[in-house]
N, C-alpha and C. Protein backbone atom coordinates (compact mmCIF):
# COMPACT_ATOMS: atom_id res chain seq x y z
N MET A 1 31.40 -21.61 -4.11
CA MET A 1 30.55 -21.95 -3.64
C MET A 1 29.38 -21.88 -3.62
N LYS A 2 28.28 -22.48 -3.60
CA LYS A 2 27.23 -22.54 -3.87
C LYS A 2 26.20 -22.10 -2.55
N ILE A 3 25.69 -20.66 -2.79
CA ILE A 3 24.95 -20.65 -1.44
C ILE A 3 23.77 -20.31 -1.22
N ILE A 4 22.54 -20.38 -0.87
CA ILE A 4 20.80 -19.60 -0.95
C ILE A 4 20.92 -18.11 -0.27
N LEU A 5 20.23 -17.57 -0.68
CA LEU A 5 20.57 -16.33 -0.18
C LEU A 5 19.41 -16.39 0.98
N LEU A 6 19.26 -15.54 1.80
CA LEU A 6 18.80 -15.44 2.61
C LEU A 6 17.27 -14.32 2.92
N LYS A 7 18.39 -12.77 2.16
CA LYS A 7 17.98 -11.71 2.06
C LYS A 7 18.18 -11.29 0.50
N ASP A 8 17.25 -10.00 -0.01
CA ASP A 8 17.51 -9.95 -0.97
C ASP A 8 19.12 -9.33 -0.85
N ILE A 9 19.96 -9.17 -1.69
CA ILE A 9 21.90 -9.06 -1.92
C ILE A 9 21.54 -8.45 -3.28
N GLU A 10 22.06 -6.94 -3.13
CA GLU A 10 22.70 -6.54 -4.42
C GLU A 10 23.83 -6.61 -5.04
N ASN A 11 23.78 -6.86 -6.42
CA ASN A 11 24.87 -7.48 -7.09
C ASN A 11 24.76 -8.71 -7.43
N ILE A 12 24.13 -9.76 -5.98
CA ILE A 12 24.04 -11.06 -6.37
C ILE A 12 22.60 -11.67 -6.71
N GLY A 13 21.50 -11.12 -6.05
CA GLY A 13 20.30 -11.92 -6.05
C GLY A 13 19.62 -11.40 -5.36
N LYS A 14 18.50 -12.00 -5.21
CA LYS A 14 17.01 -12.29 -4.67
C LYS A 14 17.20 -13.74 -3.68
N LYS A 15 16.16 -12.96 -2.44
CA LYS A 15 15.72 -13.66 -1.34
C LYS A 15 15.45 -15.24 -1.97
N TYR A 16 16.05 -16.58 -1.27
CA TYR A 16 15.98 -17.74 -1.34
C TYR A 16 16.23 -18.32 -3.02
N GLU A 17 17.12 -17.34 -4.10
CA GLU A 17 18.18 -17.75 -5.27
C GLU A 17 19.10 -18.76 -4.25
N VAL A 18 20.01 -19.48 -5.38
CA VAL A 18 20.67 -20.69 -5.35
C VAL A 18 22.10 -19.82 -5.99
N LYS A 19 23.20 -19.52 -5.93
CA LYS A 19 23.78 -18.57 -5.97
C LYS A 19 25.52 -19.48 -6.16
N GLU A 20 26.31 -19.55 -7.22
CA GLU A 20 27.53 -19.68 -7.52
C GLU A 20 28.34 -18.63 -6.31
N ILE A 21 29.13 -18.17 -5.65
CA ILE A 21 30.15 -17.07 -5.67
C ILE A 21 31.51 -17.63 -4.81
N LYS A 22 32.64 -16.77 -4.78
CA LYS A 22 33.58 -16.90 -4.51
C LYS A 22 33.50 -17.22 -3.13
N ASP A 23 34.46 -18.21 -2.59
CA ASP A 23 34.79 -18.84 -1.36
C ASP A 23 34.56 -18.07 -0.27
N GLY A 24 36.18 -17.33 -0.20
CA GLY A 24 36.13 -15.86 0.71
C GLY A 24 35.08 -14.64 1.30
N TYR A 25 34.47 -14.46 0.24
CA TYR A 25 33.38 -13.81 0.05
C TYR A 25 32.41 -14.17 1.00
N ALA A 26 31.79 -15.59 0.69
CA ALA A 26 31.11 -16.18 1.43
C ALA A 26 30.84 -16.24 3.29
N ARG A 27 32.61 -16.77 3.29
CA ARG A 27 33.46 -17.23 4.60
C ARG A 27 32.99 -16.15 5.22
N ASN A 28 34.05 -15.15 4.50
CA ASN A 28 33.92 -13.97 5.39
C ASN A 28 33.61 -12.48 5.79
N PHE A 29 32.20 -13.00 4.64
CA PHE A 29 31.80 -11.83 4.99
C PHE A 29 29.85 -12.33 4.84
N LEU A 30 29.13 -13.16 3.70
CA LEU A 30 27.87 -13.34 3.91
C LEU A 30 27.67 -14.34 4.87
N LEU A 31 28.51 -15.23 5.42
CA LEU A 31 28.12 -16.30 6.11
C LEU A 31 28.06 -15.55 7.80
N PRO A 32 29.19 -15.13 8.10
CA PRO A 32 29.04 -14.15 9.52
C PRO A 32 27.63 -13.50 10.01
N GLN A 33 26.92 -12.87 8.34
CA GLN A 33 26.50 -11.65 8.62
C GLN A 33 24.80 -12.47 8.06
N ASN A 34 24.69 -13.77 8.00
CA ASN A 34 23.53 -14.53 8.86
C ASN A 34 23.00 -14.03 7.40
N LEU A 35 23.48 -13.80 5.68
CA LEU A 35 23.18 -13.43 4.50
C LEU A 35 22.30 -14.95 3.98
N VAL A 36 23.15 -16.00 4.10
CA VAL A 36 23.09 -16.67 3.04
C VAL A 36 23.57 -18.04 4.18
N LYS A 37 23.17 -18.88 3.09
CA LYS A 37 22.99 -20.49 3.75
C LYS A 37 23.96 -21.28 2.40
N ILE A 38 24.61 -22.39 3.38
CA ILE A 38 25.55 -22.74 2.26
C ILE A 38 24.47 -24.08 1.62
N ALA A 39 24.78 -23.78 0.51
CA ALA A 39 24.14 -25.07 -0.06
C ALA A 39 24.01 -26.65 -0.15
N ASP A 40 23.79 -27.08 0.93
CA ASP A 40 24.22 -28.17 0.66
C ASP A 40 22.67 -29.04 0.50
N GLU A 41 22.48 -30.79 0.63
CA GLU A 41 21.45 -31.41 0.94
C GLU A 41 20.29 -30.99 2.02
N LYS A 42 20.75 -30.54 3.03
CA LYS A 42 19.97 -30.07 4.03
C LYS A 42 18.94 -29.12 4.22
N ASN A 43 19.99 -27.79 3.47
CA ASN A 43 19.59 -26.64 3.41
C ASN A 43 18.89 -26.55 1.77
N LEU A 44 18.94 -27.25 0.90
CA LEU A 44 18.59 -26.80 -0.24
C LEU A 44 16.92 -27.94 0.23
N GLU A 45 16.71 -28.96 1.20
CA GLU A 45 15.64 -29.09 1.21
C GLU A 45 14.96 -28.16 1.95
N TRP A 46 15.45 -27.55 3.02
CA TRP A 46 14.86 -26.76 3.62
C TRP A 46 14.36 -25.23 2.48
N LEU A 47 14.99 -25.15 1.86
CA LEU A 47 14.85 -24.07 0.95
C LEU A 47 13.34 -24.35 -0.08
N LYS A 48 13.17 -25.57 -0.36
CA LYS A 48 11.90 -26.28 -0.98
C LYS A 48 10.77 -26.03 -0.53
N ASN A 49 11.31 -26.05 1.11
CA ASN A 49 10.01 -26.24 2.24
C ASN A 49 9.60 -24.73 2.29
N GLN A 50 10.61 -23.74 2.06
CA GLN A 50 10.36 -22.21 2.26
C GLN A 50 9.65 -21.91 1.18
N LEU A 51 10.15 -22.35 -0.39
CA LEU A 51 9.41 -21.75 -1.04
C LEU A 51 7.97 -22.13 -1.04
N GLU A 52 7.35 -23.29 -0.72
CA GLU A 52 6.14 -23.98 -0.56
C GLU A 52 5.70 -23.39 0.17
N LEU A 53 5.86 -22.81 1.00
CA LEU A 53 5.01 -22.71 2.44
C LEU A 53 4.85 -20.67 2.04
N GLU A 54 6.08 -20.12 0.97
CA GLU A 54 5.71 -19.17 0.97
C GLU A 54 4.78 -18.68 -0.56
N LYS A 55 4.83 -19.86 -1.29
CA LYS A 55 3.62 -19.82 -2.55
C LYS A 55 2.50 -20.28 -1.81
N LYS A 56 2.06 -20.64 -0.77
CA LYS A 56 0.63 -21.25 0.26
C LYS A 56 0.30 -19.53 0.46
N LYS A 57 1.54 -19.03 1.36
CA LYS A 57 0.86 -17.42 1.52
C LYS A 57 0.77 -16.25 0.80
N SER A 58 1.48 -16.86 -0.01
CA SER A 58 1.08 -15.77 -1.58
C SER A 58 -0.04 -16.30 -2.18
N GLU A 59 -0.69 -16.82 -2.30
CA GLU A 59 -1.95 -17.68 -2.62
C GLU A 59 -3.20 -16.58 -1.35
N GLU A 60 -3.07 -17.19 -0.45
CA GLU A 60 -3.61 -17.03 0.73
C GLU A 60 -4.13 -15.58 0.64
N GLU A 61 -3.20 -14.81 0.61
CA GLU A 61 -3.24 -13.51 0.83
C GLU A 61 -3.79 -12.64 -0.67
N LEU A 62 -3.31 -13.54 -2.01
CA LEU A 62 -4.03 -12.82 -3.29
C LEU A 62 -5.32 -13.21 -2.94
N VAL A 63 -6.48 -14.24 -1.90
CA VAL A 63 -7.64 -14.30 -2.10
C VAL A 63 -8.01 -12.75 -0.97
N GLU A 64 -7.30 -13.06 -0.12
CA GLU A 64 -7.82 -11.69 0.82
C GLU A 64 -7.33 -10.03 0.08
N ILE A 65 -6.82 -10.62 -0.61
CA ILE A 65 -6.81 -8.63 -1.51
C ILE A 65 -7.78 -8.54 -2.34
N SER A 66 -8.47 -9.87 -3.36
CA SER A 66 -9.06 -9.90 -3.99
C SER A 66 -10.69 -9.30 -3.52
N LYS A 67 -10.57 -10.17 -2.63
CA LYS A 67 -11.90 -9.67 -1.53
C LYS A 67 -12.15 -8.54 -1.47
N LEU A 68 -11.11 -8.04 -0.90
CA LEU A 68 -11.31 -6.43 -0.49
C LEU A 68 -11.09 -5.66 -1.73
N ALA A 69 -10.38 -5.64 -2.80
CA ALA A 69 -10.65 -5.35 -3.54
C ALA A 69 -12.22 -5.36 -4.40
N SER A 70 -12.32 -6.38 -4.74
CA SER A 70 -14.19 -6.44 -5.52
C SER A 70 -14.90 -5.72 -4.01
N LYS A 71 -15.06 -5.87 -3.22
CA LYS A 71 -15.48 -5.01 -2.08
C LYS A 71 -15.61 -3.84 -2.35
N ILE A 72 -14.40 -3.06 -2.03
CA ILE A 72 -14.18 -1.51 -2.53
C ILE A 72 -14.27 -0.78 -3.76
N ASP A 73 -14.37 -2.30 -4.53
CA ASP A 73 -14.20 -1.39 -5.85
C ASP A 73 -15.74 -0.25 -6.61
N GLY A 74 -15.87 0.71 -6.44
CA GLY A 74 -17.03 1.76 -6.82
C GLY A 74 -17.67 2.24 -6.08
N LEU A 75 -17.61 2.08 -4.49
CA LEU A 75 -17.10 2.48 -3.36
C LEU A 75 -17.40 4.26 -3.08
N GLU A 76 -18.48 4.82 -3.06
CA GLU A 76 -18.46 6.62 -2.87
C GLU A 76 -18.01 6.85 -1.48
N VAL A 77 -16.75 7.86 -1.17
CA VAL A 77 -16.25 7.85 0.10
C VAL A 77 -16.71 9.59 -0.45
N GLU A 78 -17.52 10.13 0.62
CA GLU A 78 -17.50 11.47 0.94
C GLU A 78 -16.56 12.01 2.48
N ILE A 79 -15.98 13.15 1.70
CA ILE A 79 -15.27 13.34 2.84
C ILE A 79 -15.29 15.56 2.79
N PRO A 80 -15.86 15.83 4.31
CA PRO A 80 -16.66 17.08 3.95
C PRO A 80 -15.02 17.64 4.40
N VAL A 81 -15.17 19.28 3.78
CA VAL A 81 -13.76 19.91 4.42
C VAL A 81 -14.38 21.45 4.76
N LYS A 82 -13.51 22.46 4.93
CA LYS A 82 -14.03 23.68 5.29
C LYS A 82 -13.95 23.95 4.02
N VAL A 83 -14.54 24.78 3.74
CA VAL A 83 -14.35 25.96 2.53
C VAL A 83 -14.62 27.57 2.83
N GLY A 84 -13.50 28.29 2.30
CA GLY A 84 -13.66 29.93 2.04
C GLY A 84 -14.33 30.12 1.51
N ASP A 85 -14.21 31.60 1.81
CA ASP A 85 -15.31 32.63 0.92
C ASP A 85 -15.43 32.35 -0.97
N LYS A 86 -14.55 32.20 -1.11
CA LYS A 86 -14.06 32.01 -2.87
C LYS A 86 -14.24 30.98 -3.55
N GLY A 87 -14.23 29.70 -2.09
CA GLY A 87 -14.58 28.11 -2.34
C GLY A 87 -13.35 27.58 -2.56
N GLN A 88 -12.48 27.85 -1.74
CA GLN A 88 -11.06 27.21 -1.97
C GLN A 88 -10.77 26.26 -0.34
N LEU A 89 -10.25 25.29 -0.93
CA LEU A 89 -10.34 24.38 0.25
C LEU A 89 -9.46 24.80 1.32
N PHE A 90 -9.65 24.62 2.79
CA PHE A 90 -8.73 24.81 3.70
C PHE A 90 -7.56 23.72 3.93
N GLU A 91 -7.97 22.92 3.45
CA GLU A 91 -6.50 21.56 3.68
C GLU A 91 -7.22 21.05 2.09
N LYS A 92 -5.99 20.55 1.88
CA LYS A 92 -5.61 19.39 0.66
C LYS A 92 -6.26 17.92 0.80
N ILE A 93 -6.58 17.54 0.07
CA ILE A 93 -7.21 15.86 0.28
C ILE A 93 -6.04 15.12 -0.31
N THR A 94 -5.32 14.49 0.70
CA THR A 94 -3.93 14.04 0.61
C THR A 94 -4.31 12.14 0.56
N PRO A 95 -3.61 11.44 0.19
CA PRO A 95 -3.84 9.77 0.18
C PRO A 95 -3.84 9.49 1.91
N GLN A 96 -3.24 10.24 2.66
CA GLN A 96 -3.54 9.97 3.99
C GLN A 96 -4.77 10.03 4.64
N LYS A 97 -5.35 11.48 4.56
CA LYS A 97 -6.83 11.86 4.41
C LYS A 97 -7.56 10.69 3.87
N ILE A 98 -7.13 9.99 2.57
CA ILE A 98 -8.15 9.26 2.09
C ILE A 98 -8.23 7.96 3.01
N ALA A 99 -6.65 7.69 3.54
CA ALA A 99 -6.68 6.54 4.00
C ALA A 99 -7.26 6.21 4.67
N VAL A 100 -7.27 7.37 5.89
CA VAL A 100 -8.22 7.45 7.28
C VAL A 100 -9.66 7.22 6.83
N CYS A 101 -9.90 7.73 5.99
CA CYS A 101 -11.44 7.84 5.67
C CYS A 101 -11.82 6.38 5.76
N LEU A 102 -11.40 6.14 4.94
CA LEU A 102 -11.58 4.31 4.39
C LEU A 102 -11.34 3.73 6.03
N LYS A 103 -10.21 3.81 6.79
CA LYS A 103 -9.77 3.14 7.85
C LYS A 103 -11.42 3.10 8.70
N GLU A 104 -12.03 4.62 8.94
CA GLU A 104 -13.52 4.88 9.44
C GLU A 104 -14.62 3.97 8.59
N LEU A 105 -14.29 3.63 7.84
CA LEU A 105 -15.37 2.86 7.09
C LEU A 105 -15.43 0.99 6.92
N GLY A 106 -13.77 1.24 8.01
CA GLY A 106 -13.69 -0.36 8.31
C GLY A 106 -12.96 -1.22 7.25
N TYR A 107 -11.96 -0.35 6.21
CA TYR A 107 -11.19 -0.81 5.07
C TYR A 107 -10.22 -0.41 5.36
N ASN A 108 -8.91 -1.36 5.79
CA ASN A 108 -7.58 -1.51 6.75
C ASN A 108 -6.72 -0.96 4.65
N ILE A 109 -6.65 0.39 4.42
CA ILE A 109 -5.72 0.20 3.49
C ILE A 109 -4.76 1.46 3.45
N SER A 110 -3.95 1.34 3.32
CA SER A 110 -2.49 2.14 3.97
C SER A 110 -2.64 3.14 2.55
N LYS A 111 -1.52 4.50 3.01
CA LYS A 111 -2.21 5.59 2.06
C LYS A 111 -0.73 5.21 0.86
N ASN A 112 0.09 4.23 1.01
CA ASN A 112 0.98 3.78 -0.16
C ASN A 112 -0.03 3.24 -1.26
N ASN A 113 -1.14 2.41 -1.17
CA ASN A 113 -1.79 2.24 -1.93
C ASN A 113 -2.60 2.82 -2.83
N ILE A 114 -3.32 4.49 -2.34
CA ILE A 114 -3.80 5.09 -2.80
C ILE A 114 -2.97 5.79 -3.92
N ALA A 115 -3.30 6.10 -5.21
CA ALA A 115 -2.58 6.61 -6.49
C ALA A 115 -3.84 7.74 -6.82
N THR A 116 -3.28 8.61 -6.41
CA THR A 116 -3.47 10.12 -6.70
C THR A 116 -2.64 11.17 -6.52
N GLU A 117 -3.19 12.09 -7.03
CA GLU A 117 -2.13 13.50 -6.34
C GLU A 117 -3.31 14.34 -5.37
N ASP A 118 -2.55 15.32 -4.56
CA ASP A 118 -3.42 16.12 -3.56
C ASP A 118 -4.50 16.72 -4.49
N ILE A 119 -5.80 16.78 -3.59
CA ILE A 119 -6.84 17.32 -4.51
C ILE A 119 -7.63 18.47 -3.43
N THR A 120 -7.50 20.01 -4.64
CA THR A 120 -7.52 21.02 -3.78
C THR A 120 -9.03 21.69 -4.17
N GLU A 121 -10.19 20.57 -4.83
CA GLU A 121 -11.29 21.64 -4.96
C GLU A 121 -12.65 20.63 -4.77
N LEU A 122 -13.72 21.27 -4.24
CA LEU A 122 -14.90 20.52 -4.07
C LEU A 122 -14.91 19.55 -5.65
N GLY A 123 -15.57 18.57 -5.54
CA GLY A 123 -16.39 17.75 -6.63
C GLY A 123 -16.00 17.01 -6.23
N GLU A 124 -16.32 15.54 -7.75
CA GLU A 124 -16.10 14.33 -7.50
C GLU A 124 -15.01 13.99 -8.22
N PHE A 125 -14.11 12.67 -7.83
CA PHE A 125 -12.50 12.39 -8.66
C PHE A 125 -12.95 10.81 -8.17
N PRO A 126 -12.39 10.24 -9.40
CA PRO A 126 -12.04 9.14 -9.24
C PRO A 126 -10.56 8.61 -8.32
N VAL A 127 -10.53 7.76 -7.78
CA VAL A 127 -9.64 7.70 -7.26
C VAL A 127 -9.43 6.23 -7.39
N LYS A 128 -7.64 5.82 -7.63
CA LYS A 128 -7.28 4.37 -7.91
C LYS A 128 -6.84 3.87 -6.70
N ILE A 129 -7.08 2.50 -6.15
CA ILE A 129 -6.48 1.80 -5.31
C ILE A 129 -5.37 0.80 -5.92
N LYS A 130 -4.25 0.46 -5.21
CA LYS A 130 -3.29 -0.27 -6.31
C LYS A 130 -3.29 -1.18 -5.13
N PHE A 131 -3.55 -2.25 -5.32
CA PHE A 131 -2.74 -3.43 -4.18
C PHE A 131 -1.93 -4.35 -4.80
N ASP A 132 -1.24 -5.63 -3.46
CA ASP A 132 -0.17 -6.22 -4.59
C ASP A 132 -0.93 -7.09 -5.70
N HIS A 133 0.40 -7.98 -5.93
CA HIS A 133 -0.87 -8.95 -7.08
C HIS A 133 -1.18 -8.40 -8.16
N ASN A 134 -0.93 -6.89 -8.70
CA ASN A 134 -1.00 -6.33 -9.43
C ASN A 134 -3.17 -5.74 -10.08
N LEU A 135 -3.69 -5.96 -8.60
CA LEU A 135 -4.58 -5.96 -8.23
C LEU A 135 -5.32 -4.48 -7.85
N GLU A 136 -6.14 -4.01 -8.60
CA GLU A 136 -6.44 -2.30 -8.77
C GLU A 136 -8.58 -2.16 -7.92
N ALA A 137 -8.41 -1.29 -7.56
CA ALA A 137 -9.76 -1.09 -7.40
C ALA A 137 -10.26 0.67 -7.29
N GLU A 138 -11.18 1.15 -8.28
CA GLU A 138 -11.04 2.65 -8.05
C GLU A 138 -12.87 2.80 -7.18
N ILE A 139 -12.22 4.35 -6.50
CA ILE A 139 -13.58 4.50 -5.58
C ILE A 139 -13.84 5.88 -6.38
N LYS A 140 -14.78 6.83 -6.20
CA LYS A 140 -15.48 7.73 -5.92
C LYS A 140 -15.07 8.46 -4.63
N LEU A 141 -14.43 9.86 -4.81
CA LEU A 141 -14.03 10.30 -3.74
C LEU A 141 -14.98 11.61 -4.19
N ILE A 142 -15.83 11.92 -2.70
CA ILE A 142 -16.84 12.93 -3.36
C ILE A 142 -16.37 14.08 -2.11
N VAL A 143 -15.41 15.35 -2.74
CA VAL A 143 -14.84 16.23 -1.68
C VAL A 143 -16.31 17.35 -1.75
N ILE A 144 -16.90 17.68 -0.25
CA ILE A 144 -18.11 18.82 -0.02
C ILE A 144 -18.08 19.56 0.84
N GLU A 145 -18.10 20.68 0.99
CA GLU A 145 -18.65 21.26 2.27
C GLU A 145 -19.01 21.02 3.33
N GLN A 146 -17.68 21.25 5.02
CA GLN A 146 -18.79 20.89 5.49
C GLN A 146 -19.73 21.62 6.05
N ALA A 147 -20.45 21.05 6.67
CA ALA A 147 -21.63 21.99 7.79
C ALA A 147 -21.04 22.80 8.62
N GLY A 148 -21.88 23.93 8.61
CA GLY A 148 -21.34 25.18 9.56
C GLY A 148 -20.11 25.83 8.96
N GLY A 149 -20.15 25.96 7.87
CA GLY A 149 -19.14 27.34 7.40
C GLY A 149 -18.80 28.35 7.37
N LYS A 150 -17.99 28.69 7.15
CA LYS A 150 -18.28 30.52 7.05
C LYS A 150 -19.42 30.75 5.89
N LYS A 151 -19.25 30.17 4.74
CA LYS A 151 -19.97 30.54 4.09
C LYS A 151 -21.55 30.25 4.92
N GLU A 152 -22.21 29.62 5.14
CA GLU A 152 -23.20 29.45 6.14
C GLU A 152 -24.31 29.96 6.99
N GLU A 153 -22.56 30.28 7.72
CA GLU A 153 -23.02 31.58 8.45
C GLU A 153 -23.27 33.16 7.82
N LYS A 154 -22.40 33.08 6.65
CA LYS A 154 -22.62 34.52 6.38
C LYS A 154 -23.91 34.44 5.63
N ARG A 155 -25.04 33.92 4.94
CA ARG A 155 -25.88 33.01 4.73
C ARG A 155 -27.00 33.62 5.89
N GLU A 156 -26.72 32.95 6.88
CA GLU A 156 -27.90 33.20 8.07
C GLU A 156 -27.32 34.74 8.22
N GLU A 157 -26.55 35.28 7.90
CA GLU A 157 -26.51 37.18 8.62
C GLU A 157 -27.34 37.48 7.57
N GLU A 158 -27.11 37.28 6.69
CA GLU A 158 -27.91 37.73 5.42
C GLU A 158 -29.42 37.76 5.12
N ILE A 159 -29.60 36.45 5.64
CA ILE A 159 -31.46 36.33 6.07
C ILE A 159 -31.84 37.10 7.23
N SER A 160 -31.10 37.43 8.15
CA SER A 160 -31.69 37.60 9.23
C SER A 160 -31.77 39.43 9.37
């Protein structure tokens, strides 16, 4: 029996592929769970329309992502953190924290798009942002000491 997959199904194929499978498997398992459609003329026409819609959606998404990638490429982002007496950070700079900072700047980027290890020291770090459609951007992350930290308080006491 020829069928159209409505979802990715392990060991069978990917969404919207047309496959030939055994009748019993299709009737008893795949069709009752709405995982496939029978590949008749009407459904093949539906598949053609779906593929066109997916292609348009993908092209529009590519345009939006490329605009965002070119907008943030080369961006410098400062993250102030509390620092201890010996210069150690009180918290790691994680992809989650970077994503929150980018959201505050108006860029809607998921932590899953940020390709970096946790940062545990002050300084400047290049951070890659990976998008769908194999697009990438790189920002410069600047980790600085937060104003009003313990170091500054001690310096003020020494000066007094």
